[in-house]
Structures are given as structure tokens and as C-alpha cells.
N, C-alpha and C. Protein backbone atom coordinates (compact mmCIF):
# COMPACT_ATOMS: atom_id res chain seq x y z
N MET A 1 -30.71 64.92 217.41
CA MET A 1 -30.03 63.65 217.40
C MET A 1 -30.74 62.73 218.39
N THR A 2 -31.08 61.56 217.95
CA THR A 2 -31.76 60.61 218.82
C THR A 2 -30.78 60.03 219.84
N SER A 3 -31.30 59.48 220.93
CA SER A 3 -30.41 58.91 221.93
C SER A 3 -29.61 57.75 221.35
N ARG A 4 -30.19 57.01 220.41
CA ARG A 4 -29.47 55.88 219.78
C ARG A 4 -28.28 56.39 218.96
N VAL A 5 -28.50 57.43 218.17
CA VAL A 5 -27.41 58.01 217.38
C VAL A 5 -26.35 58.58 218.31
N TYR A 6 -26.79 59.24 219.39
CA TYR A 6 -25.86 59.80 220.36
C TYR A 6 -24.99 58.70 220.95
N GLN A 7 -25.60 57.58 221.35
CA GLN A 7 -24.83 56.48 221.93
C GLN A 7 -23.85 55.90 220.92
N LEU A 8 -24.28 55.76 219.68
CA LEU A 8 -23.37 55.23 218.65
C LEU A 8 -22.20 56.17 218.44
N ASN A 9 -22.47 57.48 218.41
CA ASN A 9 -21.39 58.45 218.23
C ASN A 9 -20.46 58.47 219.43
N SER A 10 -21.01 58.34 220.63
CA SER A 10 -20.16 58.43 221.82
C SER A 10 -19.24 57.23 221.96
N GLN A 11 -19.55 56.12 221.29
CA GLN A 11 -18.65 54.96 221.33
C GLN A 11 -17.32 55.27 220.64
N ARG A 12 -17.32 56.21 219.75
CA ARG A 12 -16.12 56.54 219.00
C ARG A 12 -15.37 57.74 219.58
N ILE A 13 -15.94 58.39 220.57
CA ILE A 13 -15.37 59.62 221.10
C ILE A 13 -14.28 59.33 222.13
N LYS A 14 -13.20 60.10 222.02
CA LYS A 14 -12.16 60.10 223.05
C LYS A 14 -12.22 61.48 223.71
N ILE A 15 -12.38 61.47 225.01
CA ILE A 15 -12.55 62.71 225.76
C ILE A 15 -11.46 62.80 226.81
N SER A 16 -10.87 63.98 226.91
CA SER A 16 -9.96 64.24 228.02
C SER A 16 -10.51 65.43 228.80
N TYR A 17 -10.20 65.47 230.07
CA TYR A 17 -10.77 66.53 230.90
C TYR A 17 -9.80 66.96 231.99
N ARG A 18 -10.11 68.12 232.55
CA ARG A 18 -9.39 68.61 233.71
C ARG A 18 -10.39 69.26 234.64
N ILE A 19 -10.05 69.31 235.90
CA ILE A 19 -10.90 69.94 236.90
C ILE A 19 -10.10 71.03 237.58
N VAL A 20 -10.69 72.21 237.69
CA VAL A 20 -10.04 73.34 238.35
C VAL A 20 -11.00 73.93 239.39
N SER A 21 -10.42 74.63 240.32
CA SER A 21 -11.21 75.31 241.34
C SER A 21 -11.48 76.74 240.86
N SER A 22 -12.69 77.22 241.15
CA SER A 22 -13.05 78.59 240.77
C SER A 22 -13.93 79.19 241.86
N SER A 23 -14.26 80.44 241.71
CA SER A 23 -15.16 81.09 242.68
C SER A 23 -16.57 80.54 242.61
N LEU A 24 -16.88 79.75 241.59
CA LEU A 24 -18.19 79.11 241.47
C LEU A 24 -18.15 77.66 241.95
N GLY A 25 -17.05 77.25 242.53
CA GLY A 25 -16.86 75.86 242.94
C GLY A 25 -15.89 75.18 241.99
N TYR A 26 -15.97 73.88 241.91
CA TYR A 26 -15.11 73.15 240.98
C TYR A 26 -15.70 73.23 239.57
N MET A 27 -14.82 73.24 238.59
CA MET A 27 -15.24 73.31 237.19
C MET A 27 -14.52 72.22 236.41
N LEU A 28 -15.29 71.42 235.70
CA LEU A 28 -14.74 70.38 234.83
C LEU A 28 -14.82 70.88 233.39
N ILE A 29 -13.70 70.80 232.69
CA ILE A 29 -13.63 71.17 231.27
C ILE A 29 -13.26 69.91 230.51
N ALA A 30 -14.14 69.48 229.60
CA ALA A 30 -13.88 68.26 228.83
C ALA A 30 -13.85 68.59 227.34
N ASN A 31 -12.96 67.91 226.66
CA ASN A 31 -12.74 68.18 225.25
C ASN A 31 -12.64 66.88 224.47
N SER A 32 -13.25 66.88 223.28
CA SER A 32 -13.07 65.78 222.35
C SER A 32 -12.25 66.31 221.18
N ASP A 33 -12.03 65.50 220.18
CA ASP A 33 -11.26 65.99 219.03
C ASP A 33 -12.04 67.03 218.23
N ARG A 34 -13.34 67.18 218.48
CA ARG A 34 -14.16 68.17 217.77
C ARG A 34 -14.31 69.48 218.54
N GLY A 35 -13.92 69.51 219.80
CA GLY A 35 -14.03 70.73 220.60
C GLY A 35 -14.52 70.43 222.00
N ILE A 36 -14.84 71.47 222.73
CA ILE A 36 -15.32 71.32 224.10
C ILE A 36 -16.67 70.63 224.06
N CYS A 37 -16.80 69.57 224.84
CA CYS A 37 -18.06 68.82 224.87
C CYS A 37 -18.76 68.94 226.21
N SER A 38 -18.07 69.48 227.22
CA SER A 38 -18.70 69.61 228.52
C SER A 38 -17.93 70.61 229.37
N ILE A 39 -18.68 71.51 230.00
CA ILE A 39 -18.16 72.32 231.10
C ILE A 39 -19.22 72.23 232.18
N ASN A 40 -18.84 71.62 233.28
CA ASN A 40 -19.76 71.42 234.39
C ASN A 40 -19.22 72.11 235.64
N LEU A 41 -20.14 72.59 236.46
CA LEU A 41 -19.80 73.22 237.72
C LEU A 41 -20.35 72.35 238.84
N GLY A 42 -19.60 72.27 239.94
CA GLY A 42 -20.08 71.45 241.04
C GLY A 42 -19.31 71.67 242.31
N ASP A 43 -19.69 70.91 243.32
CA ASP A 43 -19.09 71.06 244.64
C ASP A 43 -17.97 70.07 244.93
N SER A 44 -17.83 69.04 244.09
CA SER A 44 -16.75 68.09 244.33
C SER A 44 -16.22 67.55 243.00
N PRO A 45 -14.90 67.37 242.92
CA PRO A 45 -14.31 66.79 241.70
C PRO A 45 -14.86 65.40 241.41
N GLU A 46 -15.11 64.63 242.46
CA GLU A 46 -15.60 63.26 242.26
C GLU A 46 -16.97 63.25 241.58
N ASN A 47 -17.87 64.12 242.04
CA ASN A 47 -19.20 64.17 241.43
C ASN A 47 -19.14 64.67 239.98
N LEU A 48 -18.25 65.61 239.71
CA LEU A 48 -18.10 66.09 238.33
C LEU A 48 -17.59 64.98 237.42
N THR A 49 -16.61 64.24 237.89
CA THR A 49 -16.07 63.13 237.11
C THR A 49 -17.13 62.06 236.87
N LEU A 50 -17.88 61.73 237.90
CA LEU A 50 -18.95 60.74 237.78
C LEU A 50 -19.99 61.20 236.76
N SER A 51 -20.38 62.47 236.82
CA SER A 51 -21.36 63.00 235.88
C SER A 51 -20.86 62.90 234.44
N LEU A 52 -19.59 63.21 234.22
CA LEU A 52 -19.01 63.12 232.88
C LEU A 52 -19.03 61.68 232.37
N THR A 53 -18.64 60.74 233.21
CA THR A 53 -18.60 59.34 232.76
C THR A 53 -20.00 58.78 232.54
N GLU A 54 -20.98 59.29 233.27
CA GLU A 54 -22.36 58.85 233.03
C GLU A 54 -22.90 59.44 231.73
N GLU A 55 -22.60 60.70 231.47
CA GLU A 55 -23.10 61.35 230.25
C GLU A 55 -22.47 60.75 229.00
N PHE A 56 -21.19 60.45 229.06
CA PHE A 56 -20.47 59.89 227.91
C PHE A 56 -20.05 58.46 228.26
N ASN A 57 -21.01 57.63 228.58
CA ASN A 57 -20.72 56.30 229.12
C ASN A 57 -20.09 55.35 228.10
N GLN A 58 -20.13 55.66 226.84
CA GLN A 58 -19.51 54.80 225.83
C GLN A 58 -18.17 55.35 225.35
N ALA A 59 -17.81 56.55 225.80
CA ALA A 59 -16.57 57.19 225.33
C ALA A 59 -15.37 56.70 226.14
N THR A 60 -14.19 56.90 225.56
CA THR A 60 -12.94 56.67 226.27
C THR A 60 -12.57 57.99 226.93
N ILE A 61 -12.51 58.00 228.27
CA ILE A 61 -12.32 59.25 229.01
C ILE A 61 -11.03 59.17 229.83
N THR A 62 -10.21 60.22 229.70
CA THR A 62 -8.97 60.29 230.47
C THR A 62 -8.83 61.68 231.08
N GLN A 63 -8.25 61.72 232.26
CA GLN A 63 -7.97 63.00 232.90
C GLN A 63 -6.64 63.52 232.40
N ASP A 64 -6.59 64.81 232.07
CA ASP A 64 -5.38 65.44 231.55
C ASP A 64 -5.29 66.84 232.13
N GLU A 65 -4.56 66.98 233.19
CA GLU A 65 -4.47 68.27 233.89
C GLU A 65 -3.53 69.26 233.19
N THR A 66 -2.92 68.87 232.09
CA THR A 66 -2.00 69.78 231.42
C THR A 66 -2.62 70.47 230.21
N SER A 67 -3.73 69.96 229.72
CA SER A 67 -4.36 70.54 228.54
C SER A 67 -5.35 71.64 228.93
N TYR A 68 -5.78 72.37 227.94
CA TYR A 68 -6.83 73.40 228.07
C TYR A 68 -6.43 74.58 228.94
N GLN A 69 -5.16 74.86 229.06
CA GLN A 69 -4.71 75.97 229.88
C GLN A 69 -5.33 77.28 229.41
N ASP A 70 -5.32 77.52 228.09
CA ASP A 70 -5.90 78.75 227.55
C ASP A 70 -7.39 78.83 227.86
N CYS A 71 -8.09 77.74 227.64
CA CYS A 71 -9.52 77.69 227.92
C CYS A 71 -9.78 77.97 229.40
N GLN A 72 -9.04 77.31 230.26
CA GLN A 72 -9.19 77.51 231.69
C GLN A 72 -8.97 78.97 232.07
N GLU A 73 -7.89 79.56 231.58
CA GLU A 73 -7.57 80.95 231.91
C GLU A 73 -8.66 81.90 231.44
N GLN A 74 -9.18 81.69 230.23
CA GLN A 74 -10.24 82.56 229.73
C GLN A 74 -11.52 82.43 230.55
N ILE A 75 -11.88 81.21 230.91
CA ILE A 75 -13.09 81.01 231.71
C ILE A 75 -12.93 81.61 233.10
N LEU A 76 -11.78 81.42 233.72
CA LEU A 76 -11.55 82.01 235.04
C LEU A 76 -11.55 83.54 234.96
N SER A 77 -11.04 84.10 233.87
CA SER A 77 -11.10 85.56 233.67
C SER A 77 -12.54 86.02 233.52
N TYR A 78 -13.33 85.23 232.83
CA TYR A 78 -14.76 85.53 232.66
C TYR A 78 -15.46 85.53 234.03
N ILE A 79 -15.22 84.49 234.82
CA ILE A 79 -15.85 84.39 236.14
C ILE A 79 -15.41 85.55 237.04
N ALA A 80 -14.20 86.02 236.85
CA ALA A 80 -13.68 87.15 237.63
C ALA A 80 -14.17 88.49 237.11
N GLY A 81 -14.92 88.48 236.02
CA GLY A 81 -15.44 89.73 235.46
C GLY A 81 -14.45 90.50 234.62
N LYS A 82 -13.41 89.83 234.14
CA LYS A 82 -12.38 90.49 233.34
C LYS A 82 -12.50 90.18 231.85
N LYS A 83 -13.34 89.25 231.49
CA LYS A 83 -13.53 88.85 230.09
C LYS A 83 -15.04 88.75 229.87
N PHE A 84 -15.51 89.23 228.72
CA PHE A 84 -16.95 89.37 228.53
C PHE A 84 -17.57 88.41 227.53
N ASN A 85 -16.78 87.67 226.81
CA ASN A 85 -17.36 86.61 225.96
C ASN A 85 -16.35 85.47 225.84
N LEU A 86 -16.91 84.32 225.58
CA LEU A 86 -16.10 83.10 225.46
C LEU A 86 -16.46 82.43 224.15
N GLU A 87 -15.46 82.20 223.33
CA GLU A 87 -15.70 81.52 222.06
C GLU A 87 -14.65 80.43 221.87
N PHE A 88 -15.13 79.22 221.82
CA PHE A 88 -14.29 78.05 221.61
C PHE A 88 -15.01 77.11 220.67
N PRO A 89 -14.29 76.24 219.98
CA PRO A 89 -14.97 75.21 219.20
C PRO A 89 -15.75 74.29 220.15
N LEU A 90 -17.00 74.04 219.82
CA LEU A 90 -17.85 73.22 220.67
C LEU A 90 -18.25 71.95 219.95
N ALA A 91 -18.32 70.88 220.69
CA ALA A 91 -18.78 69.59 220.17
C ALA A 91 -20.08 69.26 220.88
N LEU A 92 -21.15 69.83 220.39
CA LEU A 92 -22.45 69.68 221.03
C LEU A 92 -23.21 68.49 220.47
N GLN A 93 -23.82 67.75 221.38
CA GLN A 93 -24.69 66.67 220.97
C GLN A 93 -26.03 66.89 221.64
N GLY A 94 -27.04 67.11 220.83
CA GLY A 94 -28.39 67.33 221.32
C GLY A 94 -29.36 67.28 220.17
N THR A 95 -30.62 67.40 220.48
CA THR A 95 -31.63 67.42 219.43
C THR A 95 -31.49 68.70 218.62
N LEU A 96 -32.13 68.75 217.49
CA LEU A 96 -32.12 69.96 216.68
C LEU A 96 -32.67 71.14 217.47
N PHE A 97 -33.77 70.93 218.18
CA PHE A 97 -34.36 72.01 218.96
C PHE A 97 -33.40 72.48 220.06
N GLN A 98 -32.77 71.54 220.77
CA GLN A 98 -31.81 71.94 221.80
C GLN A 98 -30.69 72.78 221.21
N GLN A 99 -30.18 72.36 220.07
CA GLN A 99 -29.09 73.11 219.45
C GLN A 99 -29.55 74.50 219.02
N GLN A 100 -30.78 74.62 218.55
CA GLN A 100 -31.31 75.94 218.19
C GLN A 100 -31.40 76.83 219.43
N VAL A 101 -31.86 76.26 220.54
CA VAL A 101 -31.94 77.03 221.79
C VAL A 101 -30.54 77.44 222.21
N TRP A 102 -29.59 76.52 222.20
CA TRP A 102 -28.23 76.84 222.65
C TRP A 102 -27.59 77.92 221.78
N GLN A 103 -27.86 77.89 220.48
CA GLN A 103 -27.34 78.95 219.60
C GLN A 103 -27.99 80.29 219.95
N SER A 104 -29.27 80.27 220.24
CA SER A 104 -29.97 81.49 220.64
C SER A 104 -29.39 82.06 221.94
N LEU A 105 -29.08 81.19 222.88
CA LEU A 105 -28.51 81.64 224.14
C LEU A 105 -27.17 82.33 223.94
N GLN A 106 -26.40 81.85 223.00
CA GLN A 106 -25.09 82.45 222.73
C GLN A 106 -25.20 83.85 222.14
N ARG A 107 -26.38 84.21 221.68
CA ARG A 107 -26.59 85.56 221.14
C ARG A 107 -27.07 86.56 222.19
N ILE A 108 -27.34 86.10 223.40
CA ILE A 108 -27.75 87.02 224.46
C ILE A 108 -26.51 87.79 224.91
N PRO A 109 -26.54 89.11 224.80
CA PRO A 109 -25.35 89.89 225.17
C PRO A 109 -25.01 89.78 226.65
N TYR A 110 -23.74 89.89 226.94
CA TYR A 110 -23.23 89.91 228.30
C TYR A 110 -23.99 90.99 229.08
N GLY A 111 -24.41 90.66 230.29
CA GLY A 111 -25.09 91.63 231.15
C GLY A 111 -26.58 91.73 230.92
N GLU A 112 -27.12 90.99 229.96
CA GLU A 112 -28.55 91.03 229.68
C GLU A 112 -29.16 89.66 229.96
N THR A 113 -30.47 89.66 230.13
CA THR A 113 -31.20 88.40 230.30
C THR A 113 -32.35 88.36 229.30
N ARG A 114 -32.87 87.18 229.08
CA ARG A 114 -34.06 86.95 228.26
C ARG A 114 -34.95 85.99 229.03
N THR A 115 -36.22 86.01 228.72
CA THR A 115 -37.12 85.05 229.35
C THR A 115 -37.19 83.80 228.47
N TYR A 116 -37.66 82.72 229.09
CA TYR A 116 -37.86 81.48 228.34
C TYR A 116 -38.82 81.74 227.18
N GLY A 117 -39.85 82.54 227.43
CA GLY A 117 -40.83 82.86 226.39
C GLY A 117 -40.22 83.67 225.25
N GLU A 118 -39.34 84.60 225.57
CA GLU A 118 -38.68 85.39 224.52
C GLU A 118 -37.83 84.50 223.62
N ILE A 119 -37.13 83.57 224.23
CA ILE A 119 -36.32 82.64 223.43
C ILE A 119 -37.23 81.81 222.53
N ALA A 120 -38.33 81.32 223.08
CA ALA A 120 -39.28 80.52 222.29
C ALA A 120 -39.82 81.33 221.12
N ARG A 121 -40.21 82.57 221.36
CA ARG A 121 -40.72 83.42 220.27
C ARG A 121 -39.64 83.68 219.22
N ASP A 122 -38.42 83.93 219.67
CA ASP A 122 -37.32 84.15 218.73
C ASP A 122 -37.09 82.95 217.82
N LEU A 123 -37.39 81.76 218.34
CA LEU A 123 -37.23 80.54 217.54
C LEU A 123 -38.46 80.24 216.69
N GLY A 124 -39.47 81.11 216.75
CA GLY A 124 -40.68 80.89 215.98
C GLY A 124 -41.60 79.84 216.59
N LYS A 125 -41.42 79.58 217.88
CA LYS A 125 -42.23 78.59 218.58
C LYS A 125 -42.76 79.22 219.87
N PRO A 126 -43.71 80.15 219.75
CA PRO A 126 -44.13 80.96 220.89
C PRO A 126 -44.72 80.18 222.07
N THR A 127 -45.15 78.97 221.86
CA THR A 127 -45.73 78.18 222.96
C THR A 127 -44.72 77.20 223.56
N ALA A 128 -43.47 77.31 223.19
CA ALA A 128 -42.46 76.32 223.59
C ALA A 128 -41.57 76.80 224.74
N SER A 129 -42.05 77.69 225.59
CA SER A 129 -41.18 78.19 226.66
C SER A 129 -40.75 77.08 227.61
N ARG A 130 -41.62 76.12 227.89
CA ARG A 130 -41.23 75.00 228.76
C ARG A 130 -40.15 74.15 228.07
N ALA A 131 -40.29 73.93 226.78
CA ALA A 131 -39.27 73.17 226.04
C ALA A 131 -37.94 73.92 226.02
N VAL A 132 -38.00 75.25 225.96
CA VAL A 132 -36.78 76.05 226.05
C VAL A 132 -36.12 75.83 227.41
N GLY A 133 -36.93 75.81 228.47
CA GLY A 133 -36.41 75.55 229.80
C GLY A 133 -35.75 74.19 229.89
N ASN A 134 -36.38 73.19 229.27
CA ASN A 134 -35.79 71.85 229.27
C ASN A 134 -34.46 71.83 228.51
N ALA A 135 -34.39 72.55 227.40
CA ALA A 135 -33.14 72.62 226.64
C ALA A 135 -32.06 73.33 227.45
N CYS A 136 -32.44 74.36 228.19
CA CYS A 136 -31.46 75.03 229.06
C CYS A 136 -30.94 74.06 230.11
N GLY A 137 -31.84 73.26 230.67
CA GLY A 137 -31.45 72.28 231.68
C GLY A 137 -30.57 71.18 231.12
N ALA A 138 -30.64 70.94 229.83
CA ALA A 138 -29.82 69.90 229.19
C ALA A 138 -28.50 70.46 228.65
N ASN A 139 -28.30 71.76 228.78
CA ASN A 139 -27.09 72.40 228.29
C ASN A 139 -25.85 71.74 228.90
N PRO A 140 -24.96 71.18 228.07
CA PRO A 140 -23.78 70.51 228.60
C PRO A 140 -22.58 71.42 228.83
N ILE A 141 -22.70 72.69 228.43
CA ILE A 141 -21.53 73.56 228.45
C ILE A 141 -21.86 74.86 229.17
N ALA A 142 -21.60 74.88 230.48
CA ALA A 142 -21.85 76.07 231.29
C ALA A 142 -21.00 77.23 230.79
N LEU A 143 -21.50 78.42 230.98
CA LEU A 143 -20.82 79.68 230.73
C LEU A 143 -20.67 80.01 229.24
N ILE A 144 -20.10 79.12 228.44
CA ILE A 144 -19.96 79.40 227.02
C ILE A 144 -21.33 79.43 226.35
N ILE A 145 -22.20 78.53 226.76
CA ILE A 145 -23.61 78.60 226.38
C ILE A 145 -24.32 79.14 227.62
N PRO A 146 -24.58 80.44 227.64
CA PRO A 146 -24.98 81.12 228.88
C PRO A 146 -26.45 80.95 229.26
N CYS A 147 -26.83 79.74 229.63
CA CYS A 147 -28.21 79.50 230.03
C CYS A 147 -28.54 80.22 231.34
N HIS A 148 -27.51 80.68 232.06
CA HIS A 148 -27.77 81.46 233.27
C HIS A 148 -28.42 82.80 232.95
N ARG A 149 -28.41 83.22 231.71
CA ARG A 149 -29.02 84.50 231.31
C ARG A 149 -30.51 84.39 230.99
N VAL A 150 -31.08 83.22 231.20
CA VAL A 150 -32.50 83.01 230.90
C VAL A 150 -33.26 82.94 232.22
N ILE A 151 -34.32 83.77 232.30
CA ILE A 151 -35.11 83.87 233.52
C ILE A 151 -36.59 83.68 233.19
N ARG A 152 -37.40 83.59 234.23
CA ARG A 152 -38.84 83.45 234.05
C ARG A 152 -39.45 84.78 233.67
N SER A 153 -40.64 84.73 233.11
CA SER A 153 -41.32 85.96 232.67
C SER A 153 -41.67 86.89 233.83
N ASP A 154 -41.77 86.36 235.06
CA ASP A 154 -42.05 87.21 236.22
C ASP A 154 -40.79 87.83 236.81
N GLY A 155 -39.65 87.59 236.18
CA GLY A 155 -38.38 88.15 236.64
C GLY A 155 -37.63 87.28 237.62
N SER A 156 -38.23 86.20 238.08
CA SER A 156 -37.51 85.30 238.99
C SER A 156 -36.52 84.46 238.19
N LEU A 157 -35.57 83.88 238.89
CA LEU A 157 -34.47 83.21 238.22
C LEU A 157 -34.85 81.90 237.54
N GLY A 158 -35.85 81.21 238.04
CA GLY A 158 -36.14 79.88 237.50
C GLY A 158 -35.15 78.90 238.09
N SER A 159 -34.68 77.96 237.30
CA SER A 159 -33.73 76.98 237.81
C SER A 159 -32.42 77.09 237.04
N TYR A 160 -31.45 76.31 237.47
CA TYR A 160 -30.14 76.29 236.82
C TYR A 160 -29.50 74.94 237.11
N ARG A 161 -29.08 74.30 236.08
CA ARG A 161 -28.51 72.95 236.19
C ARG A 161 -27.41 72.86 237.25
N TRP A 162 -26.67 73.93 237.41
CA TRP A 162 -25.52 73.92 238.31
C TRP A 162 -25.79 74.67 239.62
N GLY A 163 -27.06 74.89 239.93
CA GLY A 163 -27.44 75.50 241.21
C GLY A 163 -27.86 76.94 241.07
N ILE A 164 -28.95 77.27 241.70
CA ILE A 164 -29.52 78.61 241.60
C ILE A 164 -28.58 79.68 242.17
N GLU A 165 -27.78 79.32 243.19
CA GLU A 165 -26.83 80.28 243.76
C GLU A 165 -25.79 80.69 242.73
N ARG A 166 -25.34 79.73 241.93
CA ARG A 166 -24.37 80.05 240.88
C ARG A 166 -25.00 80.95 239.82
N LYS A 167 -26.25 80.67 239.46
CA LYS A 167 -26.94 81.48 238.48
C LYS A 167 -27.05 82.92 238.98
N GLN A 168 -27.46 83.09 240.23
CA GLN A 168 -27.58 84.43 240.82
C GLN A 168 -26.25 85.14 240.80
N LYS A 169 -25.19 84.44 241.17
CA LYS A 169 -23.86 85.04 241.20
C LYS A 169 -23.42 85.49 239.81
N LEU A 170 -23.67 84.65 238.80
CA LEU A 170 -23.29 85.01 237.42
C LEU A 170 -24.07 86.21 236.91
N ILE A 171 -25.37 86.24 237.16
CA ILE A 171 -26.19 87.37 236.71
C ILE A 171 -25.72 88.66 237.40
N GLU A 172 -25.46 88.60 238.70
CA GLU A 172 -24.97 89.77 239.43
C GLU A 172 -23.62 90.23 238.90
N LEU A 173 -22.72 89.29 238.66
CA LEU A 173 -21.40 89.60 238.12
C LEU A 173 -21.53 90.36 236.79
N GLU A 174 -22.38 89.83 235.91
CA GLU A 174 -22.52 90.44 234.59
C GLU A 174 -23.19 91.81 234.68
N ARG A 175 -24.12 92.00 235.57
CA ARG A 175 -24.78 93.30 235.71
C ARG A 175 -23.81 94.35 236.25
N ILE A 176 -22.95 93.95 237.17
CA ILE A 176 -21.96 94.88 237.74
C ILE A 176 -20.98 95.32 236.67
N LYS A 177 -20.54 94.40 235.84
CA LYS A 177 -19.51 94.71 234.82
C LYS A 177 -20.10 95.28 233.55
N TYR A 178 -21.42 95.28 233.42
CA TYR A 178 -22.09 95.69 232.18
C TYR A 178 -22.05 97.18 231.98
């Protein structure tokens, strides 16, 4: 999806969100009428809200602390190591390649990791490991699209949109419970 199409679509979107505290810091869960459109992790509610309004700058956005209770509970159970997969309707907006990467990430089993190169090869684009990394960095939905499970070919963590410490914590959590 081109940025122009994305902007045109976001003008029609109504998004509501809530922010909760977790062991990974604050977590923002945002939903449109099509499904979850954003799960962000951060150190302050204000920065999470600002990030959401910047990403969906044409949408109508309202805070709703009463919705998404089930989603919140399942995600917090996941972070606590009590739940091993998360499946919710998602409202993803990204390029075709980004969406292919995000679908591939959702197939990585709990407790396992893949390299950027492995994901690229699985998509039939063996030289696109850097593009896979960029798609991981553009992932709008933490945890449900588990980009934290993607590492560098040398075994190092690489980067993580929501902080390398969170990525390390998630990988360790999944390995312990695996």
C-alpha cells in the first residue's frame, strides 16, 4: 500500500485505544473497526499516545479504557509466560512485502527464533534480509506479530522497535517456557 493510499484510508478510520502497565513497560492497544491496528510498548503513556496520533494522523482517535479487556488479559498472560500464542483480528496497513514478512513472523513457533536471512529465503527473496529487517522495524503490532523472534545470522539480537532490552526479555521468557 502506498503512503498516499494509506493516508486516504486513515482519513476514514476511527481508532480507540487504551494504555496498560505491564512488566515490559506501558503498552498501548489500539483498535479500529477492522481489528487491532497497533500495539506499542514504551516508557510513558504520553509518548505512546503521541506515537499513535502521529502514525494515524488523519484518523479520529479516542481513548477508551473500558474496551479490549479480553485482549489486554491475553497479552498480559502472554507476557507473564502463561499463554503461548495470540490471535486477534488485525487491521494491518503496510506494503505487500511488509505484510508478507509479518505473516511469516506469525508462523515462527513460540520459543524459537529465525534470522533475517531465513525469513528472506522463506519468502523467496534470499538477498532481502535487510528489507526483512526494515519490515520488522515497521511492525505496528508488538507481540502478536512477533518480530522479537528475529535475530541476526551471527546470533546477536539485532534491533527492536520497542527497545533491545524488551526483545531480550521476550526471547528469554519464551525460551524458559518452551
